[in-house]
N, C-alpha and C. Protein backbone atom coordinates (compact mmCIF):
# COMPACT_ATOMS: atom_id res chain seq x y z
N UNK A 1 48.68 -32.24 -7.30
CA UNK A 1 48.77 -31.05 -8.10
C UNK A 1 47.46 -30.28 -7.95
N UNK A 2 47.51 -29.11 -7.41
CA UNK A 2 46.31 -28.30 -7.24
C UNK A 2 45.73 -27.89 -8.60
N UNK A 3 44.42 -28.01 -8.70
CA UNK A 3 43.72 -27.65 -9.94
C UNK A 3 42.43 -26.94 -9.58
N UNK A 4 42.18 -25.86 -10.25
CA UNK A 4 40.92 -25.14 -10.05
C UNK A 4 39.95 -25.53 -11.16
N UNK A 5 38.78 -25.99 -10.76
CA UNK A 5 37.75 -26.39 -11.71
C UNK A 5 36.43 -25.74 -11.34
N UNK A 6 35.67 -25.39 -12.34
CA UNK A 6 34.33 -24.87 -12.11
C UNK A 6 33.36 -26.05 -12.27
N UNK A 7 32.97 -26.64 -11.13
CA UNK A 7 32.09 -27.81 -11.13
C UNK A 7 30.74 -27.39 -10.57
N UNK A 8 29.69 -27.85 -11.21
CA UNK A 8 28.32 -27.56 -10.77
C UNK A 8 28.16 -28.00 -9.31
N UNK A 9 27.84 -27.06 -8.44
CA UNK A 9 27.71 -27.34 -7.01
C UNK A 9 26.65 -28.38 -6.71
N UNK A 10 25.53 -28.33 -7.43
CA UNK A 10 24.46 -29.31 -7.18
C UNK A 10 24.92 -30.72 -7.53
N UNK A 11 25.64 -30.86 -8.65
CA UNK A 11 26.15 -32.18 -9.04
C UNK A 11 27.17 -32.70 -8.04
N UNK A 12 28.05 -31.83 -7.61
CA UNK A 12 29.09 -32.24 -6.67
C UNK A 12 28.49 -32.62 -5.32
N UNK A 13 27.54 -31.85 -4.86
CA UNK A 13 26.87 -32.16 -3.59
C UNK A 13 26.14 -33.50 -3.69
N UNK A 14 25.47 -33.74 -4.81
CA UNK A 14 24.77 -35.00 -5.01
C UNK A 14 25.75 -36.17 -5.07
N UNK A 15 26.90 -35.98 -5.71
CA UNK A 15 27.91 -37.03 -5.80
C UNK A 15 28.46 -37.38 -4.43
N UNK A 16 28.70 -36.38 -3.61
CA UNK A 16 29.20 -36.61 -2.25
C UNK A 16 28.17 -37.39 -1.45
N UNK A 17 26.92 -36.98 -1.56
CA UNK A 17 25.84 -37.62 -0.81
C UNK A 17 25.61 -39.05 -1.27
N UNK A 18 25.42 -39.24 -2.56
CA UNK A 18 25.12 -40.56 -3.12
C UNK A 18 26.29 -41.53 -2.91
N UNK A 19 27.50 -41.02 -3.05
CA UNK A 19 28.67 -41.88 -2.90
C UNK A 19 29.07 -42.11 -1.46
N UNK A 20 28.47 -41.36 -0.55
CA UNK A 20 28.82 -41.50 0.86
C UNK A 20 30.23 -41.01 1.17
N UNK A 21 30.69 -40.07 0.39
CA UNK A 21 32.05 -39.54 0.57
C UNK A 21 32.07 -38.48 1.65
N UNK A 22 33.22 -38.35 2.29
CA UNK A 22 33.38 -37.36 3.34
C UNK A 22 33.80 -36.01 2.78
N UNK A 23 34.44 -36.03 1.62
CA UNK A 23 34.93 -34.79 1.03
C UNK A 23 34.58 -34.70 -0.45
N UNK A 24 34.62 -33.47 -0.95
CA UNK A 24 34.40 -33.26 -2.39
C UNK A 24 35.52 -33.91 -3.19
N UNK A 25 36.73 -33.81 -2.67
CA UNK A 25 37.88 -34.41 -3.36
C UNK A 25 37.69 -35.91 -3.53
N UNK A 26 37.20 -36.57 -2.48
CA UNK A 26 36.98 -38.02 -2.56
C UNK A 26 35.94 -38.35 -3.61
N UNK A 27 34.90 -37.54 -3.71
CA UNK A 27 33.85 -37.78 -4.70
C UNK A 27 34.39 -37.60 -6.12
N UNK A 28 35.18 -36.56 -6.33
CA UNK A 28 35.74 -36.30 -7.66
C UNK A 28 36.73 -37.39 -8.04
N UNK A 29 37.56 -37.79 -7.08
CA UNK A 29 38.54 -38.85 -7.35
C UNK A 29 37.85 -40.15 -7.74
N UNK A 30 36.81 -40.52 -7.00
CA UNK A 30 36.07 -41.74 -7.32
C UNK A 30 35.39 -41.63 -8.68
N UNK A 31 34.84 -40.48 -8.97
CA UNK A 31 34.17 -40.28 -10.27
C UNK A 31 35.17 -40.43 -11.41
N UNK A 32 36.37 -39.90 -11.24
CA UNK A 32 37.39 -40.03 -12.28
C UNK A 32 37.83 -41.48 -12.45
N UNK A 33 37.97 -42.20 -11.35
CA UNK A 33 38.34 -43.62 -11.43
C UNK A 33 37.27 -44.41 -12.19
N UNK A 34 36.02 -44.16 -11.86
CA UNK A 34 34.93 -44.87 -12.53
C UNK A 34 34.84 -44.50 -14.01
N UNK A 35 35.10 -43.24 -14.33
CA UNK A 35 35.10 -42.79 -15.72
C UNK A 35 36.18 -43.52 -16.51
N UNK A 36 37.38 -43.61 -15.95
CA UNK A 36 38.48 -44.29 -16.62
C UNK A 36 38.17 -45.77 -16.79
N UNK A 37 37.67 -46.39 -15.74
CA UNK A 37 37.32 -47.82 -15.80
C UNK A 37 36.29 -48.08 -16.89
N UNK A 38 35.28 -47.24 -16.96
CA UNK A 38 34.22 -47.41 -17.96
C UNK A 38 34.77 -47.26 -19.37
N UNK A 39 35.61 -46.27 -19.59
CA UNK A 39 36.20 -46.08 -20.92
C UNK A 39 37.08 -47.25 -21.32
N UNK A 40 37.83 -47.80 -20.35
CA UNK A 40 38.65 -48.97 -20.65
C UNK A 40 37.78 -50.18 -20.99
N UNK A 41 36.67 -50.34 -20.30
CA UNK A 41 35.76 -51.44 -20.58
C UNK A 41 35.17 -51.30 -21.98
N UNK A 42 34.84 -50.09 -22.39
CA UNK A 42 34.31 -49.87 -23.73
C UNK A 42 35.33 -50.26 -24.78
N UNK A 43 36.60 -50.02 -24.49
CA UNK A 43 37.66 -50.41 -25.42
C UNK A 43 37.71 -51.91 -25.59
N UNK A 44 37.53 -52.64 -24.51
CA UNK A 44 37.54 -54.10 -24.57
C UNK A 44 36.30 -54.59 -25.32
N UNK A 45 35.15 -53.97 -25.08
CA UNK A 45 33.93 -54.38 -25.76
C UNK A 45 34.04 -54.24 -27.28
N UNK A 46 34.80 -53.26 -27.73
CA UNK A 46 34.97 -53.07 -29.17
C UNK A 46 35.71 -54.25 -29.81
N UNK A 47 36.42 -55.02 -29.01
CA UNK A 47 37.17 -56.16 -29.53
C UNK A 47 36.29 -57.38 -29.78
N UNK A 48 35.12 -57.43 -29.16
CA UNK A 48 34.24 -58.58 -29.34
C UNK A 48 33.86 -58.73 -30.81
N UNK A 49 33.97 -59.95 -31.28
CA UNK A 49 33.65 -60.24 -32.67
C UNK A 49 34.81 -60.03 -33.61
N UNK A 50 35.95 -59.59 -33.10
CA UNK A 50 37.09 -59.34 -33.98
C UNK A 50 38.12 -60.46 -33.91
N UNK A 51 37.90 -61.44 -33.04
CA UNK A 51 38.85 -62.54 -32.88
C UNK A 51 38.32 -63.76 -33.61
N UNK A 52 39.18 -64.38 -34.40
CA UNK A 52 38.79 -65.60 -35.11
C UNK A 52 38.78 -66.76 -34.12
N UNK A 53 37.74 -67.56 -34.17
CA UNK A 53 37.58 -68.69 -33.26
C UNK A 53 37.87 -69.97 -34.03
N UNK A 54 38.65 -70.85 -33.39
CA UNK A 54 38.97 -72.15 -33.99
C UNK A 54 37.82 -73.10 -33.67
N UNK A 55 37.06 -73.54 -34.66
CA UNK A 55 35.92 -74.41 -34.39
C UNK A 55 36.33 -75.76 -33.81
N UNK A 56 37.59 -76.15 -33.96
CA UNK A 56 38.06 -77.44 -33.43
C UNK A 56 38.49 -77.33 -31.97
N UNK A 57 38.55 -76.14 -31.41
CA UNK A 57 38.99 -75.96 -30.03
C UNK A 57 37.92 -76.48 -29.07
N UNK A 58 38.35 -77.32 -28.12
CA UNK A 58 37.43 -77.91 -27.16
C UNK A 58 37.77 -77.38 -25.77
N UNK A 59 37.05 -76.38 -25.32
CA UNK A 59 37.34 -75.77 -24.03
C UNK A 59 37.09 -76.72 -22.86
N UNK A 60 36.12 -77.63 -23.02
CA UNK A 60 35.82 -78.59 -21.96
C UNK A 60 37.01 -79.52 -21.76
N UNK A 61 37.61 -79.97 -22.83
CA UNK A 61 38.77 -80.85 -22.74
C UNK A 61 39.94 -80.11 -22.10
N UNK A 62 40.09 -78.85 -22.39
CA UNK A 62 41.17 -78.06 -21.81
C UNK A 62 41.00 -77.93 -20.29
N UNK A 63 39.78 -77.79 -19.84
CA UNK A 63 39.53 -77.65 -18.39
C UNK A 63 39.82 -78.95 -17.65
N UNK A 64 39.68 -80.07 -18.34
CA UNK A 64 39.91 -81.38 -17.70
C UNK A 64 41.40 -81.72 -17.62
N UNK A 65 42.24 -81.04 -18.38
CA UNK A 65 43.68 -81.32 -18.39
C UNK A 65 44.28 -81.07 -17.02
N UNK A 66 45.19 -81.96 -16.63
CA UNK A 66 45.88 -81.79 -15.35
C UNK A 66 47.35 -81.94 -15.49
């Protein structure tokens, strides 16, 4: 889907150079993928400390099970 965006030329040029991309489109696509990945990771981080842990659970014993 064609989209017109006003993107800072200096930022885009730097992204192409730093990322080693051949095209501006490749740089923007990679940037969007990384942005989405980072936001999803932040969502997972918010879950830390919200899960109740069973003090009787023995992870070592579980790894030894066959």
